Amino acid sequence: MVEFKNVSYTYPTGQHALQHVSLKIDDGEFAFIVGASGAGKSTLIKLMLRELAATQGEVTVNGYNLNKLKSRKIPELRRTIGVVFQDFRLIPSMTVYDNVAFALRAIDAPTKYIRSRVPYVISLVGLAQKAKSYPNDLSGGEQQRVALARALVNDPQLIIADEPTGNIDPERSYEIVDLLKAINACGTTVVMVTHQHDLVKYFGGRIININTGAVVFDEVIGGIDETQQL
């Protein structure tokens, strides 16, 4: 669960990034967060990851009260969250397998578990035949699938996808959201930040629109995808 109660954040420069934001995303939900550049989307994500601490109000993520969270507990919080970035952030000198395994090795997961979990997750995102390939040998869409596998491999409660389709072509963008929807259908909470309104209109669901640091729209809407299936 993600909950913001009357949250504001002001940068040291005096810029008011968020103002009195209240919202709740329940376990198992899929929510799109949309808004123009500078609207406050990135600040919202940084607060969820405890990269920033709220100036005012209370933030709760996966049972952690982030206002009271001690620095030594932040890595514990982040292990419950998988993050997918716009720029993939893969290690070029590592294969697909090792890029995904890296997330488990970083937390000293048992070797036996890594050997079973990593191939499973790579297969889940449709890249079983690419496990020995390097990032530079992959298309943008494939690289983003690797990034998604890396976010999934630790079996997080929450996935935050921060503009995950920003650097891939439109057709592959729909595939990535399809994958996120499938992951969500298995019970993982997904929060996807995007500026691509065509994707939001197509898939529908819960839309949280942020403008100048405030939530101006928070509703569930039907998508084009749903009407085509009727």
Protein backbone atom coordinates (compact mmCIF):
# COMPACT_ATOMS: atom_id res chain seq x y z
CA MET A 1 0.00 0.00 0.00
CA VAL A 2 1.09 3.54 -0.77
CA GLU A 3 -0.50 6.39 1.16
CA PHE A 4 0.15 10.12 1.17
CA LYS A 5 -1.62 12.14 3.85
CA ASN A 6 -1.58 15.90 3.27
CA VAL A 7 1.96 15.72 1.91
CA SER A 8 3.92 18.77 0.82
CA TYR A 9 7.53 19.02 -0.28
CA THR A 10 9.58 22.17 -0.70
CA TYR A 11 13.10 22.03 -2.14
CA PRO A 12 15.90 23.96 -0.39
CA THR A 13 15.67 26.51 -3.23
CA GLY A 14 12.15 27.36 -2.06
CA GLN A 15 10.42 25.61 -4.97
CA HIS A 16 7.11 24.04 -3.86
CA ALA A 17 7.12 20.67 -5.66
CA LEU A 18 4.10 19.10 -3.93
CA GLN A 19 1.29 20.82 -2.07
CA HIS A 20 -1.12 19.03 0.29
CA VAL A 21 -1.22 15.76 -1.68
CA SER A 22 -3.46 13.02 -0.29
CA LEU A 23 -3.88 9.71 -2.10
CA LYS A 24 -4.00 6.00 -1.38
CA ILE A 25 -3.00 3.16 -3.70
CA ASP A 26 -4.09 -0.18 -2.27
CA ASP A 27 -2.21 -3.45 -2.51
CA GLY A 28 -2.78 -5.03 -5.93
CA GLU A 29 -3.80 -1.80 -7.67
CA PHE A 30 -2.44 -0.46 -10.95
CA ALA A 31 -2.26 3.33 -11.10
CA PHE A 32 -1.04 5.67 -13.82
CA ILE A 33 0.46 8.95 -12.60
CA VAL A 34 0.36 11.60 -15.31
CA GLY A 35 1.22 15.27 -15.54
CA ALA A 36 3.33 17.75 -17.44
CA SER A 37 7.07 18.09 -16.93
CA GLY A 38 7.70 19.81 -13.60
CA ALA A 39 4.26 18.92 -12.25
CA GLY A 40 5.69 17.00 -9.29
CA LYS A 41 5.70 13.39 -10.55
CA SER A 42 9.42 12.82 -9.93
CA THR A 43 9.19 14.28 -6.43
CA LEU A 44 6.31 11.91 -5.68
CA ILE A 45 8.47 8.94 -6.72
CA LYS A 46 11.47 10.16 -4.72
CA LEU A 47 9.28 10.41 -1.63
CA MET A 48 8.04 6.81 -2.16
CA LEU A 49 11.64 5.61 -2.37
CA ARG A 50 12.65 7.75 0.61
CA GLU A 51 15.19 9.62 -1.48
CA LEU A 52 13.44 12.69 -0.08
CA ALA A 53 11.56 13.18 3.19
CA ALA A 54 8.24 15.04 3.19
CA THR A 55 8.35 18.64 4.38
CA GLN A 56 4.83 18.19 5.71
CA GLY A 57 2.41 15.29 6.04
CA GLU A 58 2.88 11.54 6.22
CA VAL A 59 4.04 8.97 3.64
CA THR A 60 3.49 5.22 4.10
CA VAL A 61 4.84 2.60 1.66
CA ASN A 62 4.51 -1.18 2.08
CA GLY A 63 3.85 -0.80 5.80
CA TYR A 64 6.77 1.56 6.43
CA ASN A 65 6.07 5.00 7.87
CA LEU A 66 8.66 6.96 5.91
CA ASN A 67 8.51 9.94 8.25
CA LYS A 68 9.85 7.79 11.08
CA LEU A 69 12.09 5.52 9.01
CA LYS A 70 15.69 5.47 10.20
CA SER A 71 18.46 5.70 7.60
CA ARG A 72 19.64 2.15 8.26
CA LYS A 73 16.14 0.86 7.42
CA ILE A 74 15.92 2.56 4.01
CA PRO A 75 17.61 -0.36 2.15
CA GLU A 76 15.07 -2.71 3.77
CA LEU A 77 12.22 -0.56 2.43
CA ARG A 78 13.75 -0.46 -1.05
CA ARG A 79 14.02 -4.24 -1.19
CA THR A 80 10.21 -4.31 -1.16
CA ILE A 81 10.12 -2.08 -4.28
CA GLY A 82 11.17 -2.79 -7.86
CA VAL A 83 12.00 0.26 -9.97
CA VAL A 84 11.99 0.46 -13.77
CA PHE A 85 13.65 3.55 -15.24
CA GLN A 86 13.28 5.28 -18.60
CA ASP A 87 16.97 4.85 -19.42
CA PHE A 88 17.12 1.10 -18.57
CA ARG A 89 20.30 1.46 -16.42
CA LEU A 90 21.71 -1.90 -17.51
CA ILE A 91 25.38 -2.76 -17.10
CA PRO A 92 26.81 -3.05 -20.67
CA SER A 93 29.55 -5.51 -19.71
CA MET A 94 27.06 -7.98 -18.20
CA THR A 95 24.79 -10.44 -19.99
CA VAL A 96 21.02 -10.33 -19.60
CA TYR A 97 21.30 -13.11 -17.01
CA ASP A 98 23.94 -11.29 -14.97
CA ASN A 99 22.13 -7.95 -15.15
CA VAL A 100 19.07 -9.58 -13.60
CA ALA A 101 21.08 -11.71 -11.15
CA PHE A 102 22.96 -8.60 -9.99
CA ALA A 103 19.89 -7.41 -8.06
CA LEU A 104 19.87 -10.66 -6.04
CA ARG A 105 23.63 -10.86 -5.58
CA ALA A 106 23.55 -7.34 -4.15
CA ILE A 107 21.43 -8.61 -1.25
CA ASP A 108 23.45 -11.83 -0.83
CA ALA A 109 20.67 -14.12 -2.01
CA PRO A 110 21.65 -17.83 -1.99
CA THR A 111 23.29 -19.05 -5.21
CA LYS A 112 20.78 -21.88 -5.56
CA TYR A 113 17.89 -19.41 -5.40
CA ILE A 114 19.54 -17.12 -7.99
CA ARG A 115 20.00 -20.04 -10.39
CA SER A 116 16.31 -20.92 -10.24
CA ARG A 117 14.77 -17.46 -9.91
CA VAL A 118 16.69 -15.58 -12.63
CA PRO A 119 15.86 -17.88 -15.60
CA TYR A 120 12.22 -17.93 -14.46
CA VAL A 121 11.92 -14.14 -14.45
CA ILE A 122 13.81 -13.76 -17.75
CA SER A 123 11.37 -16.24 -19.29
CA LEU A 124 8.45 -14.34 -17.77
CA VAL A 125 9.37 -11.23 -19.78
CA GLY A 126 9.86 -13.26 -22.96
CA LEU A 127 13.66 -13.20 -23.17
CA ALA A 128 14.62 -16.81 -22.42
CA GLN A 129 16.55 -17.00 -25.72
CA LYS A 130 18.48 -13.80 -24.90
CA ALA A 131 19.88 -14.74 -21.48
CA LYS A 132 23.47 -14.81 -22.76
CA SER A 133 23.15 -11.64 -24.87
CA TYR A 134 24.57 -8.26 -23.88
CA PRO A 135 22.48 -5.06 -23.66
CA ASN A 136 24.05 -3.54 -26.78
CA ASP A 137 22.83 -6.55 -28.79
CA LEU A 138 19.23 -5.91 -27.79
CA SER A 139 16.55 -3.55 -29.08
CA GLY A 140 15.26 -0.77 -26.84
CA GLY A 141 12.13 -2.77 -26.07
CA GLU A 142 14.19 -5.83 -25.15
CA GLN A 143 16.45 -3.76 -22.91
CA GLN A 144 13.41 -2.44 -21.09
CA ARG A 145 12.19 -6.01 -20.62
CA VAL A 146 15.53 -6.83 -18.99
CA ALA A 147 15.09 -3.82 -16.71
CA LEU A 148 11.61 -5.06 -15.85
CA ALA A 149 12.96 -8.55 -15.09
CA ARG A 150 15.58 -7.00 -12.81
CA ALA A 151 12.85 -5.08 -10.97
CA LEU A 152 10.79 -8.26 -10.62
CA VAL A 153 13.49 -10.71 -9.58
CA ASN A 154 13.33 -9.87 -5.87
CA ASP A 155 9.56 -10.45 -5.88
CA PRO A 156 8.72 -6.90 -4.71
CA GLN A 157 5.36 -5.86 -3.27
CA LEU A 158 5.40 -2.71 -5.41
CA ILE A 159 6.80 -1.86 -8.84
CA ILE A 160 7.40 1.78 -9.69
CA ALA A 161 7.79 2.27 -13.44
CA ASP A 162 9.16 5.76 -14.04
CA GLU A 163 8.50 6.69 -17.69
CA PRO A 164 9.34 3.09 -18.74
CA THR A 165 8.25 3.66 -22.35
CA GLY A 166 10.03 6.98 -22.88
CA ASN A 167 12.96 5.55 -24.85
CA ILE A 168 11.26 2.86 -26.92
CA ASP A 169 9.09 2.94 -30.03
CA PRO A 170 5.29 3.19 -29.71
CA GLU A 171 4.51 -0.44 -30.57
CA ARG A 172 6.93 -1.72 -27.93
CA SER A 173 5.46 0.75 -25.43
CA TYR A 174 2.14 -1.11 -25.51
CA GLU A 175 3.98 -4.41 -24.96
CA ILE A 176 5.71 -3.06 -21.86
CA VAL A 177 2.42 -1.86 -20.37
CA ASP A 178 0.84 -5.22 -21.25
CA LEU A 179 3.63 -6.89 -19.27
CA LEU A 180 3.11 -4.56 -16.32
CA LYS A 181 -0.62 -5.31 -16.43
CA ALA A 182 0.10 -9.05 -16.41
CA ILE A 183 2.43 -8.64 -13.43
CA ASN A 184 -0.25 -6.60 -11.67
CA ALA A 185 -2.82 -9.34 -12.38
CA CYS A 186 -0.63 -11.68 -10.30
CA GLY A 187 -1.03 -9.38 -7.29
CA THR A 188 1.90 -6.94 -7.51
CA THR A 189 1.02 -3.28 -7.01
CA VAL A 190 2.15 -1.18 -9.99
CA VAL A 191 2.58 2.60 -10.13
CA MET A 192 3.47 3.84 -13.62
CA VAL A 193 4.54 7.41 -14.24
CA THR A 194 4.04 8.50 -17.84
CA HIS A 195 3.49 11.51 -20.07
CA GLN A 196 2.15 9.32 -22.91
CA HIS A 197 -1.57 10.01 -22.79
CA ASP A 198 -2.30 7.65 -25.68
CA LEU A 199 -1.19 4.71 -23.51
CA VAL A 200 -3.35 5.88 -20.63
CA LYS A 201 -6.39 6.27 -22.90
CA TYR A 202 -5.81 2.85 -24.44
CA PHE A 203 -5.42 0.86 -21.23
CA GLY A 204 -7.59 2.93 -18.89
CA GLY A 205 -7.74 2.21 -15.17
CA ARG A 206 -6.92 4.51 -12.30
CA ILE A 207 -5.50 7.81 -13.47
CA ILE A 208 -3.88 10.24 -11.01
CA ASN A 209 -3.16 13.58 -12.66
CA ILE A 210 -0.75 15.96 -10.95
CA ASN A 211 -0.53 19.63 -11.91
CA THR A 212 1.71 22.21 -10.22
CA GLY A 213 2.25 19.94 -7.25
CA ALA A 214 -1.38 19.06 -6.58
CA VAL A 215 -3.65 16.13 -7.48
CA VAL A 216 -6.23 17.58 -9.86
CA PHE A 217 -7.80 14.31 -11.06
CA ASP A 218 -8.00 10.85 -9.50
CA GLU A 219 -10.53 8.58 -11.17
CA VAL A 220 -10.91 5.15 -12.78
CA ILE A 221 -11.67 5.40 -16.49
CA GLY A 222 -12.46 2.80 -19.13
CA GLY A 223 -9.83 2.15 -21.78
CA ILE A 224 -9.99 1.57 -25.53
CA ASP A 225 -8.46 -1.87 -24.94
CA GLU A 226 -11.47 -2.88 -22.81
CA THR A 227 -14.02 -1.78 -25.40
CA GLN A 228 -12.22 -3.73 -28.12
CA GLN A 229 -12.48 -6.89 -26.04
CA LEU A 230 -16.27 -6.58 -25.61
